[in-house]
């Protein structure tokens, strides 16, 4: 019977260390971590690895319930998959486990409460942005991709995947790298102008 920890943050500039420390202190023998959005299961390869690895009697440990997902469905699906394998899920904050029926009910309720709370936060954020726009003080979100670095790496004949890895973003964010109302993307070059077989294309919204 193994205790397996899973840690997640949503963006590359967030730190996993706090979660990892708590999971180690809890005695997790194996810990998998990733920096990926919890909005869906897409791209969450480490979570998939943990769920595939689980055996009867094993325990999946997370620091908070929202590390599994952002809404009730995404929280309950991994728990269901664990149960189908005869494994358990334990959340450290608040400390709840599916080893008992009450624990399963509590996790379901917590997932519903968390989803509702996120909806309220998004609604307040939307209202705040609209008010800031009316007041003329809205500056938009923080730029996550350094466009100058993207250009520089492109001229070094780096591939899109290599560039995304080097600047610390996902391939999707790389593809969304924008310059004014234009956005950049590398596409196969059929004219032999680029050594790596790609040309830097500029698309207009």
N, C-alpha and C. Protein backbone atom coordinates (compact mmCIF):
# COMPACT_ATOMS: atom_id res chain seq x y z
N UNK A 1 0.86 -1.20 0.00
CA UNK A 1 0.00 0.00 0.00
C UNK A 1 0.89 1.24 0.00
N UNK A 2 0.69 2.11 -0.99
CA UNK A 2 1.55 3.29 -1.14
C UNK A 2 0.74 4.57 -0.99
N UNK A 3 1.42 5.59 -0.47
CA UNK A 3 0.82 6.93 -0.41
C UNK A 3 1.46 7.75 -1.54
N UNK A 4 0.64 8.21 -2.46
CA UNK A 4 1.15 8.92 -3.63
C UNK A 4 0.63 10.34 -3.60
N UNK A 5 1.53 11.30 -3.63
CA UNK A 5 1.14 12.70 -3.59
C UNK A 5 1.01 13.30 -4.98
N UNK A 6 0.09 14.22 -5.12
CA UNK A 6 -0.08 14.94 -6.38
C UNK A 6 -0.17 16.42 -6.09
N UNK A 7 0.68 17.21 -6.76
CA UNK A 7 0.70 18.66 -6.58
C UNK A 7 0.50 19.33 -7.92
N UNK A 8 -0.21 20.48 -7.90
CA UNK A 8 -0.47 21.20 -9.15
C UNK A 8 -0.59 22.69 -8.89
N UNK A 9 -0.02 23.47 -9.80
CA UNK A 9 -0.28 24.91 -9.87
C UNK A 9 -0.70 25.21 -11.30
N UNK A 10 -1.35 26.35 -11.50
CA UNK A 10 -1.94 26.62 -12.81
C UNK A 10 -0.99 27.22 -13.82
N UNK A 11 0.03 27.98 -13.36
CA UNK A 11 0.91 28.67 -14.29
C UNK A 11 2.37 28.40 -13.95
N UNK A 12 3.24 28.62 -14.93
CA UNK A 12 4.66 28.32 -14.75
C UNK A 12 5.34 29.24 -13.75
N UNK A 13 4.77 30.43 -13.48
CA UNK A 13 5.41 31.34 -12.54
C UNK A 13 4.96 31.11 -11.10
N UNK A 14 4.11 30.10 -10.87
CA UNK A 14 3.70 29.75 -9.51
C UNK A 14 4.62 28.68 -8.94
N UNK A 15 4.71 28.63 -7.62
CA UNK A 15 5.66 27.75 -6.94
C UNK A 15 4.96 26.51 -6.38
N UNK A 16 5.57 25.35 -6.60
CA UNK A 16 5.04 24.09 -6.10
C UNK A 16 5.60 23.70 -4.74
N UNK A 17 6.59 24.43 -4.26
CA UNK A 17 7.37 24.00 -3.11
C UNK A 17 6.51 23.78 -1.86
N UNK A 18 5.54 24.66 -1.60
CA UNK A 18 4.71 24.51 -0.40
C UNK A 18 3.94 23.20 -0.43
N UNK A 19 3.33 22.90 -1.57
CA UNK A 19 2.59 21.64 -1.70
C UNK A 19 3.52 20.44 -1.55
N UNK A 20 4.67 20.50 -2.21
CA UNK A 20 5.61 19.38 -2.16
C UNK A 20 6.09 19.12 -0.73
N UNK A 21 6.35 20.20 0.01
CA UNK A 21 6.81 20.05 1.40
C UNK A 21 5.76 19.38 2.26
N UNK A 22 4.49 19.78 2.08
CA UNK A 22 3.40 19.19 2.86
C UNK A 22 3.21 17.72 2.52
N UNK A 23 3.33 17.39 1.24
CA UNK A 23 3.15 15.99 0.83
C UNK A 23 4.29 15.12 1.35
N UNK A 24 5.52 15.66 1.35
CA UNK A 24 6.65 14.90 1.89
C UNK A 24 6.47 14.69 3.39
N UNK A 25 6.03 15.75 4.08
CA UNK A 25 5.82 15.63 5.53
C UNK A 25 4.73 14.63 5.86
N UNK A 26 3.80 14.44 4.94
CA UNK A 26 2.71 13.49 5.14
C UNK A 26 3.15 12.06 4.88
N UNK A 27 4.39 11.88 4.41
CA UNK A 27 4.92 10.54 4.20
C UNK A 27 4.64 9.94 2.84
N UNK A 28 4.37 10.79 1.85
CA UNK A 28 4.12 10.27 0.50
C UNK A 28 5.40 9.68 -0.07
N UNK A 29 5.33 8.45 -0.54
CA UNK A 29 6.50 7.76 -1.08
C UNK A 29 6.82 8.22 -2.50
N UNK A 30 5.78 8.57 -3.23
CA UNK A 30 5.94 9.06 -4.60
C UNK A 30 5.14 10.35 -4.72
N UNK A 31 5.73 11.36 -5.35
CA UNK A 31 5.03 12.63 -5.55
C UNK A 31 5.17 13.04 -7.02
N UNK A 32 4.05 13.29 -7.65
CA UNK A 32 4.04 13.78 -9.03
C UNK A 32 3.49 15.19 -9.02
N UNK A 33 4.06 16.06 -9.83
CA UNK A 33 3.63 17.45 -9.85
C UNK A 33 3.61 17.97 -11.27
N UNK A 34 2.83 19.03 -11.50
CA UNK A 34 2.78 19.64 -12.82
C UNK A 34 2.27 21.07 -12.72
N UNK A 35 2.62 21.85 -13.74
CA UNK A 35 2.16 23.24 -13.83
C UNK A 35 1.24 23.33 -15.03
N UNK A 36 -0.05 23.21 -14.74
CA UNK A 36 -1.06 23.18 -15.80
C UNK A 36 -2.39 23.60 -15.20
N UNK A 37 -3.23 24.20 -16.01
CA UNK A 37 -4.53 24.65 -15.55
C UNK A 37 -5.40 23.48 -15.09
N UNK A 38 -6.19 23.72 -14.05
CA UNK A 38 -7.12 22.70 -13.57
C UNK A 38 -8.49 22.83 -14.18
N UNK A 39 -8.60 23.64 -15.25
CA UNK A 39 -9.90 23.86 -15.88
C UNK A 39 -10.45 22.63 -16.56
N UNK A 40 -9.57 21.70 -16.94
CA UNK A 40 -10.01 20.45 -17.56
C UNK A 40 -8.95 19.39 -17.32
N UNK A 41 -9.22 18.17 -17.75
CA UNK A 41 -8.24 17.08 -17.60
C UNK A 41 -7.24 17.08 -18.75
N UNK A 42 -7.48 17.86 -19.79
CA UNK A 42 -6.59 17.89 -20.94
C UNK A 42 -5.20 18.38 -20.54
N UNK A 43 -4.18 17.65 -20.94
CA UNK A 43 -2.82 18.06 -20.68
C UNK A 43 -2.30 17.75 -19.29
N UNK A 44 -3.11 17.15 -18.45
CA UNK A 44 -2.69 16.86 -17.08
C UNK A 44 -2.11 15.44 -17.03
N UNK A 45 -0.94 15.31 -17.63
CA UNK A 45 -0.32 14.00 -17.80
C UNK A 45 0.11 13.38 -16.48
N UNK A 46 0.55 14.21 -15.53
CA UNK A 46 1.01 13.66 -14.25
C UNK A 46 -0.14 13.09 -13.44
N UNK A 47 -1.30 13.76 -13.49
CA UNK A 47 -2.47 13.21 -12.80
C UNK A 47 -2.87 11.89 -13.44
N UNK A 48 -2.83 11.84 -14.77
CA UNK A 48 -3.17 10.59 -15.47
C UNK A 48 -2.20 9.48 -15.07
N UNK A 49 -0.92 9.82 -14.93
CA UNK A 49 0.09 8.83 -14.52
C UNK A 49 -0.21 8.29 -13.13
N UNK A 50 -0.57 9.19 -12.21
CA UNK A 50 -0.89 8.75 -10.85
C UNK A 50 -2.09 7.82 -10.85
N UNK A 51 -3.14 8.20 -11.56
CA UNK A 51 -4.35 7.39 -11.57
C UNK A 51 -4.10 6.02 -12.21
N UNK A 52 -3.25 5.97 -13.23
CA UNK A 52 -2.91 4.69 -13.86
C UNK A 52 -2.08 3.81 -12.92
N UNK A 53 -1.26 4.44 -12.09
CA UNK A 53 -0.33 3.72 -11.21
C UNK A 53 -1.01 3.12 -9.99
N UNK A 54 -2.12 3.71 -9.56
CA UNK A 54 -2.77 3.29 -8.31
C UNK A 54 -3.15 1.82 -8.32
N UNK A 55 -2.94 1.20 -7.16
CA UNK A 55 -3.31 -0.19 -6.95
C UNK A 55 -4.24 -0.28 -5.74
N UNK A 56 -4.96 -1.40 -5.58
CA UNK A 56 -5.86 -1.54 -4.43
C UNK A 56 -5.14 -1.26 -3.11
N UNK A 57 -5.75 -0.41 -2.29
CA UNK A 57 -5.18 -0.06 -1.00
C UNK A 57 -4.29 1.17 -1.04
N UNK A 58 -3.91 1.63 -2.23
CA UNK A 58 -3.08 2.84 -2.33
C UNK A 58 -3.89 4.07 -1.96
N UNK A 59 -3.18 5.17 -1.71
CA UNK A 59 -3.83 6.40 -1.29
C UNK A 59 -3.28 7.59 -2.09
N UNK A 60 -4.16 8.32 -2.74
CA UNK A 60 -3.79 9.54 -3.45
C UNK A 60 -3.97 10.71 -2.48
N UNK A 61 -2.90 11.50 -2.29
CA UNK A 61 -2.93 12.59 -1.32
C UNK A 61 -2.73 13.92 -2.04
N UNK A 62 -3.60 14.89 -1.76
CA UNK A 62 -3.46 16.25 -2.29
C UNK A 62 -3.59 17.23 -1.14
N UNK A 63 -2.97 18.40 -1.29
CA UNK A 63 -3.02 19.38 -0.20
C UNK A 63 -4.40 20.02 -0.08
N UNK A 64 -5.02 20.30 -1.23
CA UNK A 64 -6.37 20.89 -1.23
C UNK A 64 -7.19 20.23 -2.33
N UNK A 65 -8.49 20.27 -2.18
CA UNK A 65 -9.37 19.60 -3.12
C UNK A 65 -9.27 20.20 -4.51
N UNK A 66 -9.04 21.53 -4.61
CA UNK A 66 -9.01 22.16 -5.92
C UNK A 66 -7.77 21.80 -6.72
N UNK A 67 -6.83 21.04 -6.13
CA UNK A 67 -5.69 20.54 -6.91
C UNK A 67 -6.14 19.47 -7.89
N UNK A 68 -7.27 18.83 -7.60
CA UNK A 68 -7.81 17.82 -8.51
C UNK A 68 -8.59 18.43 -9.65
N UNK A 69 -9.24 19.57 -9.41
CA UNK A 69 -10.04 20.19 -10.46
C UNK A 69 -10.75 21.42 -9.96
N UNK A 70 -11.33 22.17 -10.91
CA UNK A 70 -11.97 23.44 -10.57
C UNK A 70 -13.47 23.34 -10.35
N UNK A 71 -14.08 22.29 -10.82
CA UNK A 71 -15.52 22.16 -10.59
C UNK A 71 -15.84 20.78 -10.02
N UNK A 72 -17.08 20.60 -9.64
CA UNK A 72 -17.48 19.37 -8.96
C UNK A 72 -17.20 18.13 -9.80
N UNK A 73 -17.48 18.20 -11.08
CA UNK A 73 -17.27 17.04 -11.95
C UNK A 73 -15.80 16.65 -12.01
N UNK A 74 -14.91 17.66 -12.20
CA UNK A 74 -13.49 17.37 -12.31
C UNK A 74 -12.89 16.90 -10.99
N UNK A 75 -13.54 17.22 -9.88
CA UNK A 75 -13.09 16.73 -8.58
C UNK A 75 -13.56 15.29 -8.36
N UNK A 76 -14.80 15.02 -8.70
CA UNK A 76 -15.37 13.71 -8.41
C UNK A 76 -14.89 12.62 -9.36
N UNK A 77 -14.57 12.98 -10.61
CA UNK A 77 -14.12 11.96 -11.56
C UNK A 77 -12.85 11.25 -11.11
N UNK A 78 -11.79 11.98 -10.69
CA UNK A 78 -10.61 11.26 -10.19
C UNK A 78 -10.90 10.43 -8.94
N UNK A 79 -11.77 10.96 -8.07
CA UNK A 79 -12.13 10.20 -6.87
C UNK A 79 -12.82 8.90 -7.26
N UNK A 80 -13.72 8.98 -8.24
CA UNK A 80 -14.42 7.78 -8.72
C UNK A 80 -13.43 6.78 -9.32
N UNK A 81 -12.46 7.28 -10.10
CA UNK A 81 -11.46 6.39 -10.71
C UNK A 81 -10.62 5.71 -9.64
N UNK A 82 -10.31 6.44 -8.58
CA UNK A 82 -9.56 5.83 -7.47
C UNK A 82 -10.38 4.73 -6.81
N UNK A 83 -11.64 5.00 -6.59
CA UNK A 83 -12.51 4.01 -5.94
C UNK A 83 -12.66 2.75 -6.78
N UNK A 84 -12.72 2.93 -8.12
CA UNK A 84 -12.83 1.77 -9.00
C UNK A 84 -11.60 0.87 -8.91
N UNK A 85 -10.49 1.45 -8.50
CA UNK A 85 -9.25 0.67 -8.36
C UNK A 85 -9.03 0.20 -6.93
N UNK A 86 -9.98 0.50 -6.06
CA UNK A 86 -9.84 0.10 -4.67
C UNK A 86 -8.88 0.99 -3.90
N UNK A 87 -8.63 2.19 -4.42
CA UNK A 87 -7.72 3.14 -3.77
C UNK A 87 -8.53 4.22 -3.06
N UNK A 88 -7.84 5.06 -2.30
CA UNK A 88 -8.49 6.10 -1.52
C UNK A 88 -7.92 7.47 -1.88
N UNK A 89 -8.67 8.52 -1.55
CA UNK A 89 -8.22 9.90 -1.75
C UNK A 89 -8.24 10.60 -0.40
N UNK A 90 -7.14 11.31 -0.09
CA UNK A 90 -7.07 12.08 1.14
C UNK A 90 -6.70 13.52 0.82
N UNK A 91 -7.47 14.46 1.36
CA UNK A 91 -7.20 15.89 1.22
C UNK A 91 -6.67 16.38 2.57
N UNK A 92 -5.59 17.14 2.54
CA UNK A 92 -4.96 17.58 3.79
C UNK A 92 -5.64 18.80 4.41
N UNK A 93 -6.18 19.69 3.58
CA UNK A 93 -6.76 20.94 4.10
C UNK A 93 -8.10 21.22 3.42
N UNK A 94 -9.22 20.96 4.12
CA UNK A 94 -9.35 20.33 5.44
C UNK A 94 -9.11 18.83 5.33
N UNK A 95 -8.71 18.20 6.42
CA UNK A 95 -8.34 16.79 6.37
C UNK A 95 -9.58 15.91 6.22
N UNK A 96 -9.72 15.36 5.01
CA UNK A 96 -10.87 14.50 4.70
C UNK A 96 -10.37 13.34 3.86
N UNK A 97 -10.94 12.16 4.07
CA UNK A 97 -10.54 10.98 3.31
C UNK A 97 -11.77 10.20 2.86
N UNK A 98 -11.62 9.50 1.73
CA UNK A 98 -12.72 8.68 1.23
C UNK A 98 -12.72 7.29 1.85
N UNK A 99 -11.92 7.08 2.87
CA UNK A 99 -11.91 5.78 3.54
C UNK A 99 -13.25 5.49 4.21
N UNK A 100 -13.99 6.54 4.52
CA UNK A 100 -15.31 6.35 5.11
C UNK A 100 -16.38 7.00 4.24
N UNK A 101 -17.60 6.55 4.36
CA UNK A 101 -18.70 7.07 3.55
C UNK A 101 -18.93 8.55 3.82
N UNK A 102 -18.79 8.96 5.08
CA UNK A 102 -18.99 10.37 5.42
C UNK A 102 -17.95 11.24 4.71
N UNK A 103 -16.72 10.74 4.65
CA UNK A 103 -15.66 11.49 3.98
C UNK A 103 -15.99 11.72 2.51
N UNK A 104 -16.55 10.73 1.86
CA UNK A 104 -16.93 10.87 0.45
C UNK A 104 -18.00 11.94 0.29
N UNK A 105 -18.97 11.96 1.20
CA UNK A 105 -20.04 12.96 1.14
C UNK A 105 -19.46 14.36 1.36
N UNK A 106 -18.54 14.49 2.34
CA UNK A 106 -17.93 15.78 2.63
C UNK A 106 -17.17 16.31 1.42
N UNK A 107 -16.41 15.45 0.74
CA UNK A 107 -15.65 15.87 -0.43
C UNK A 107 -16.58 16.34 -1.55
N UNK A 108 -17.71 15.66 -1.71
CA UNK A 108 -18.68 16.07 -2.73
C UNK A 108 -19.22 17.46 -2.41
N UNK A 109 -19.57 17.69 -1.16
CA UNK A 109 -20.09 18.99 -0.76
C UNK A 109 -19.03 20.08 -0.92
N UNK A 110 -17.80 19.78 -0.51
CA UNK A 110 -16.71 20.76 -0.63
C UNK A 110 -16.46 21.12 -2.09
N UNK A 111 -16.56 20.12 -2.97
CA UNK A 111 -16.39 20.39 -4.39
C UNK A 111 -17.46 21.32 -4.92
N UNK A 112 -18.70 21.12 -4.49
CA UNK A 112 -19.81 21.99 -4.91
C UNK A 112 -19.64 23.40 -4.37
N UNK A 113 -19.21 23.51 -3.11
CA UNK A 113 -19.00 24.83 -2.50
C UNK A 113 -17.88 25.58 -3.22
N UNK A 114 -16.78 24.87 -3.52
CA UNK A 114 -15.64 25.50 -4.20
C UNK A 114 -16.04 25.99 -5.58
N UNK A 115 -16.84 25.20 -6.30
CA UNK A 115 -17.28 25.60 -7.63
C UNK A 115 -18.14 26.86 -7.56
N UNK A 116 -19.05 26.91 -6.58
CA UNK A 116 -19.91 28.08 -6.41
C UNK A 116 -19.09 29.31 -6.06
N UNK A 117 -18.10 29.12 -5.17
CA UNK A 117 -17.25 30.24 -4.77
C UNK A 117 -16.47 30.79 -5.96
N UNK A 118 -15.96 29.92 -6.81
CA UNK A 118 -15.22 30.38 -7.99
C UNK A 118 -16.12 31.18 -8.93
N UNK A 119 -17.37 30.75 -9.04
CA UNK A 119 -18.32 31.50 -9.89
C UNK A 119 -18.53 32.91 -9.34
N UNK A 120 -18.66 33.02 -8.01
CA UNK A 120 -18.81 34.34 -7.39
C UNK A 120 -17.58 35.20 -7.63
N UNK A 121 -16.39 34.59 -7.51
CA UNK A 121 -15.15 35.34 -7.73
C UNK A 121 -15.07 35.84 -9.16
N UNK A 122 -15.40 34.99 -10.12
CA UNK A 122 -15.37 35.40 -11.53
C UNK A 122 -16.36 36.52 -11.80
N UNK A 123 -17.53 36.42 -11.17
CA UNK A 123 -18.54 37.45 -11.37
C UNK A 123 -18.07 38.78 -10.79
N UNK A 124 -17.47 38.76 -9.60
CA UNK A 124 -16.95 39.99 -9.01
C UNK A 124 -15.80 40.54 -9.84
N UNK A 125 -14.97 39.64 -10.39
CA UNK A 125 -13.85 40.09 -11.23
C UNK A 125 -14.39 40.75 -12.50
N UNK A 126 -15.40 40.15 -13.10
CA UNK A 126 -15.98 40.71 -14.32
C UNK A 126 -16.58 42.08 -14.05
N UNK A 127 -17.29 42.21 -12.92
CA UNK A 127 -17.87 43.51 -12.58
C UNK A 127 -16.78 44.55 -12.33
N UNK A 128 -15.68 44.13 -11.69
CA UNK A 128 -14.58 45.06 -11.44
C UNK A 128 -13.92 45.53 -12.72
N UNK A 129 -13.75 44.61 -13.68
CA UNK A 129 -13.16 44.98 -14.97
C UNK A 129 -14.05 45.94 -15.72
N UNK A 130 -15.35 45.67 -15.71
CA UNK A 130 -16.28 46.55 -16.41
C UNK A 130 -16.26 47.95 -15.80
N UNK A 131 -16.20 48.02 -14.46
CA UNK A 131 -16.14 49.32 -13.79
C UNK A 131 -14.84 50.04 -14.13
N UNK A 132 -13.73 49.29 -14.15
CA UNK A 132 -12.43 49.89 -14.48
C UNK A 132 -12.42 50.42 -15.91
N UNK A 133 -13.07 49.71 -16.81
CA UNK A 133 -13.16 50.17 -18.20
C UNK A 133 -13.97 51.47 -18.28
N UNK A 134 -15.07 51.51 -17.51
CA UNK A 134 -15.89 52.73 -17.52
C UNK A 134 -15.12 53.92 -16.95
N UNK A 135 -14.23 53.62 -15.96
CA UNK A 135 -13.44 54.69 -15.35
C UNK A 135 -12.19 55.02 -16.14
N UNK A 136 -11.94 54.23 -17.20
CA UNK A 136 -10.77 54.49 -18.04
C UNK A 136 -9.45 54.09 -17.42
N UNK A 137 -9.46 53.16 -16.47
CA UNK A 137 -8.21 52.78 -15.80
C UNK A 137 -7.85 51.31 -16.01
N UNK A 138 -8.60 50.62 -16.86
CA UNK A 138 -8.32 49.20 -17.10
C UNK A 138 -7.12 49.05 -18.03
N UNK A 139 -6.14 48.26 -17.61
CA UNK A 139 -4.92 48.09 -18.39
C UNK A 139 -4.78 46.69 -18.97
N UNK A 140 -5.76 45.83 -18.73
CA UNK A 140 -5.69 44.47 -19.27
C UNK A 140 -4.86 43.55 -18.38
N UNK A 141 -4.82 42.29 -18.78
CA UNK A 141 -4.09 41.29 -18.00
C UNK A 141 -2.59 41.39 -18.19
N UNK A 142 -1.87 40.74 -17.30
CA UNK A 142 -0.42 40.72 -17.35
C UNK A 142 0.07 39.92 -18.54
N UNK A 143 1.05 40.48 -19.25
CA UNK A 143 1.62 39.77 -20.39
C UNK A 143 2.42 38.57 -19.90
N UNK A 144 2.11 37.39 -20.39
CA UNK A 144 2.75 36.18 -19.89
C UNK A 144 3.91 35.72 -20.77
N UNK A 145 3.95 36.18 -22.01
CA UNK A 145 4.98 35.73 -22.93
C UNK A 145 5.82 36.91 -23.37
N UNK A 146 7.14 36.77 -23.26
CA UNK A 146 8.07 37.81 -23.70
C UNK A 146 8.23 37.71 -25.21
N UNK A 147 7.55 38.62 -25.93
CA UNK A 147 7.56 38.55 -27.40
C UNK A 147 8.95 38.72 -27.98
N UNK A 148 9.76 39.60 -27.36
CA UNK A 148 11.11 39.82 -27.86
C UNK A 148 11.94 38.54 -27.78
N UNK A 149 11.73 37.78 -26.71
CA UNK A 149 12.46 36.53 -26.56
C UNK A 149 11.99 35.51 -27.59
N UNK A 150 10.68 35.54 -27.89
CA UNK A 150 10.15 34.65 -28.92
C UNK A 150 10.81 34.94 -30.26
N UNK A 151 10.89 36.23 -30.63
CA UNK A 151 11.55 36.62 -31.88
C UNK A 151 13.00 36.16 -31.90
N UNK A 152 13.71 36.38 -30.79
CA UNK A 152 15.14 36.05 -30.72
C UNK A 152 15.36 34.55 -30.89
N UNK A 153 14.53 33.75 -30.21
CA UNK A 153 14.67 32.30 -30.29
C UNK A 153 14.29 31.79 -31.67
N UNK A 154 13.31 32.43 -32.28
CA UNK A 154 12.93 32.04 -33.64
C UNK A 154 14.09 32.25 -34.61
N UNK A 155 14.79 33.36 -34.46
CA UNK A 155 15.91 33.64 -35.35
C UNK A 155 17.10 32.73 -35.07
N UNK A 156 17.05 31.99 -33.96
CA UNK A 156 18.07 30.99 -33.67
C UNK A 156 17.64 29.61 -34.18
N UNK A 157 16.55 29.62 -35.00
CA UNK A 157 16.03 28.40 -35.63
C UNK A 157 15.54 27.37 -34.61
N UNK A 158 14.97 27.87 -33.50
CA UNK A 158 14.36 26.97 -32.53
C UNK A 158 12.96 26.59 -33.00
N UNK A 159 12.54 25.37 -32.70
CA UNK A 159 11.19 24.92 -33.07
C UNK A 159 10.17 25.52 -32.11
N UNK A 160 8.88 25.53 -32.47
CA UNK A 160 7.85 26.06 -31.57
C UNK A 160 7.85 25.39 -30.20
N UNK A 161 8.02 24.06 -30.16
CA UNK A 161 8.02 23.35 -28.88
C UNK A 161 9.24 23.75 -28.06
N UNK A 162 10.39 23.88 -28.71
CA UNK A 162 11.60 24.28 -28.00
C UNK A 162 11.46 25.69 -27.44
N UNK A 163 10.87 26.60 -28.24
CA UNK A 163 10.69 27.98 -27.78
C UNK A 163 9.76 28.03 -26.58
N UNK A 164 8.65 27.30 -26.65
CA UNK A 164 7.69 27.28 -25.54
C UNK A 164 8.37 26.76 -24.26
N UNK A 165 9.21 25.73 -24.40
CA UNK A 165 9.90 25.17 -23.23
C UNK A 165 10.91 26.17 -22.67
N UNK A 166 11.63 26.85 -23.55
CA UNK A 166 12.68 27.77 -23.10
C UNK A 166 12.12 29.02 -22.41
N UNK A 167 10.95 29.51 -22.88
CA UNK A 167 10.39 30.71 -22.26
C UNK A 167 9.41 30.38 -21.13
N UNK A 168 9.20 29.06 -20.92
CA UNK A 168 8.40 28.64 -19.78
C UNK A 168 6.91 28.83 -19.96
N UNK A 169 6.39 28.51 -21.12
CA UNK A 169 4.94 28.61 -21.34
C UNK A 169 4.49 27.39 -22.11
N UNK A 170 3.18 27.25 -22.25
CA UNK A 170 2.63 26.14 -23.01
C UNK A 170 2.71 26.45 -24.50
N UNK A 171 2.56 25.41 -25.30
CA UNK A 171 2.55 25.62 -26.76
C UNK A 171 1.38 26.52 -27.15
N UNK A 172 0.27 26.37 -26.44
CA UNK A 172 -0.90 27.20 -26.74
C UNK A 172 -0.62 28.67 -26.49
N UNK A 173 0.04 28.97 -25.35
CA UNK A 173 0.39 30.36 -25.07
C UNK A 173 1.37 30.91 -26.09
N UNK A 174 2.28 30.04 -26.52
CA UNK A 174 3.21 30.47 -27.57
C UNK A 174 2.43 30.85 -28.83
N UNK A 175 1.47 30.01 -29.21
CA UNK A 175 0.68 30.28 -30.41
C UNK A 175 -0.14 31.55 -30.28
N UNK A 176 -0.45 31.92 -29.03
CA UNK A 176 -1.25 33.12 -28.81
C UNK A 176 -0.40 34.37 -28.61
N UNK A 177 0.90 34.20 -28.74
CA UNK A 177 1.80 35.35 -28.57
C UNK A 177 1.39 36.44 -29.55
N UNK A 178 1.05 37.62 -29.01
CA UNK A 178 0.49 38.67 -29.85
C UNK A 178 1.40 39.88 -29.94
N UNK A 179 1.26 40.56 -31.06
CA UNK A 179 2.00 41.80 -31.26
C UNK A 179 1.01 42.82 -31.81
N UNK A 180 0.52 43.71 -30.93
CA UNK A 180 -0.56 44.62 -31.33
C UNK A 180 -1.80 43.79 -31.61
N UNK A 181 -2.38 43.97 -32.80
CA UNK A 181 -3.56 43.20 -33.20
C UNK A 181 -3.17 42.03 -34.08
N UNK A 182 -1.86 41.79 -34.18
CA UNK A 182 -1.38 40.66 -34.94
C UNK A 182 -0.88 39.59 -33.97
N UNK A 183 -0.85 38.35 -34.43
CA UNK A 183 -0.26 37.33 -33.58
C UNK A 183 0.64 36.44 -34.41
N UNK A 184 1.61 35.86 -33.70
CA UNK A 184 2.69 35.14 -34.34
C UNK A 184 2.49 33.65 -34.23
N UNK A 185 2.90 32.96 -35.30
CA UNK A 185 2.89 31.50 -35.23
C UNK A 185 3.83 30.95 -36.28
N UNK A 186 4.55 29.91 -35.93
CA UNK A 186 5.42 29.28 -36.91
C UNK A 186 4.64 28.25 -37.68
N UNK A 187 4.87 28.21 -38.98
CA UNK A 187 4.19 27.27 -39.85
C UNK A 187 5.22 26.66 -40.80
N UNK A 188 4.97 25.46 -41.30
CA UNK A 188 5.92 24.83 -42.23
C UNK A 188 6.20 25.75 -43.42
N UNK A 189 7.47 25.85 -43.75
CA UNK A 189 7.90 26.74 -44.84
C UNK A 189 8.21 25.89 -46.07
N UNK A 190 7.55 26.18 -47.16
CA UNK A 190 7.77 25.43 -48.38
C UNK A 190 8.73 26.09 -49.34
N UNK A 191 9.41 27.15 -48.88
CA UNK A 191 10.29 27.91 -49.78
C UNK A 191 11.75 27.78 -49.41
N UNK A 192 12.04 27.01 -48.36
CA UNK A 192 13.43 26.80 -47.98
C UNK A 192 14.12 28.00 -47.39
N UNK A 193 13.32 28.96 -46.84
CA UNK A 193 13.93 30.17 -46.28
C UNK A 193 14.46 29.96 -44.86
N UNK A 194 13.95 28.95 -44.16
CA UNK A 194 14.34 28.75 -42.76
C UNK A 194 15.03 27.40 -42.60
N UNK A 195 16.11 27.40 -41.82
CA UNK A 195 16.89 26.18 -41.67
C UNK A 195 16.11 25.08 -40.97
N UNK A 196 15.21 25.48 -40.06
CA UNK A 196 14.47 24.47 -39.32
C UNK A 196 13.17 24.07 -40.01
N UNK A 197 12.95 24.58 -41.21
CA UNK A 197 11.76 24.19 -41.97
C UNK A 197 10.52 24.97 -41.62
N UNK A 198 10.63 26.00 -40.75
CA UNK A 198 9.48 26.79 -40.33
C UNK A 198 9.68 28.26 -40.70
N UNK A 199 8.58 28.93 -41.01
CA UNK A 199 8.59 30.37 -41.22
C UNK A 199 7.76 31.03 -40.13
N UNK A 200 8.14 32.22 -39.71
CA UNK A 200 7.37 32.97 -38.73
C UNK A 200 6.24 33.68 -39.47
N UNK A 201 5.01 33.26 -39.22
CA UNK A 201 3.85 33.81 -39.91
C UNK A 201 3.17 34.83 -38.99
N UNK A 202 2.64 35.89 -39.54
CA UNK A 202 1.90 36.91 -38.80
C UNK A 202 0.46 36.87 -39.28
N UNK A 203 -0.46 36.60 -38.34
CA UNK A 203 -1.87 36.53 -38.66
C UNK A 203 -2.60 37.75 -38.10
N UNK A 204 -3.59 38.21 -38.79
CA UNK A 204 -4.39 39.35 -38.34
C UNK A 204 -5.70 38.86 -37.77
N UNK A 205 -6.06 39.39 -36.60
CA UNK A 205 -7.35 39.02 -35.96
C UNK A 205 -8.52 39.40 -36.87
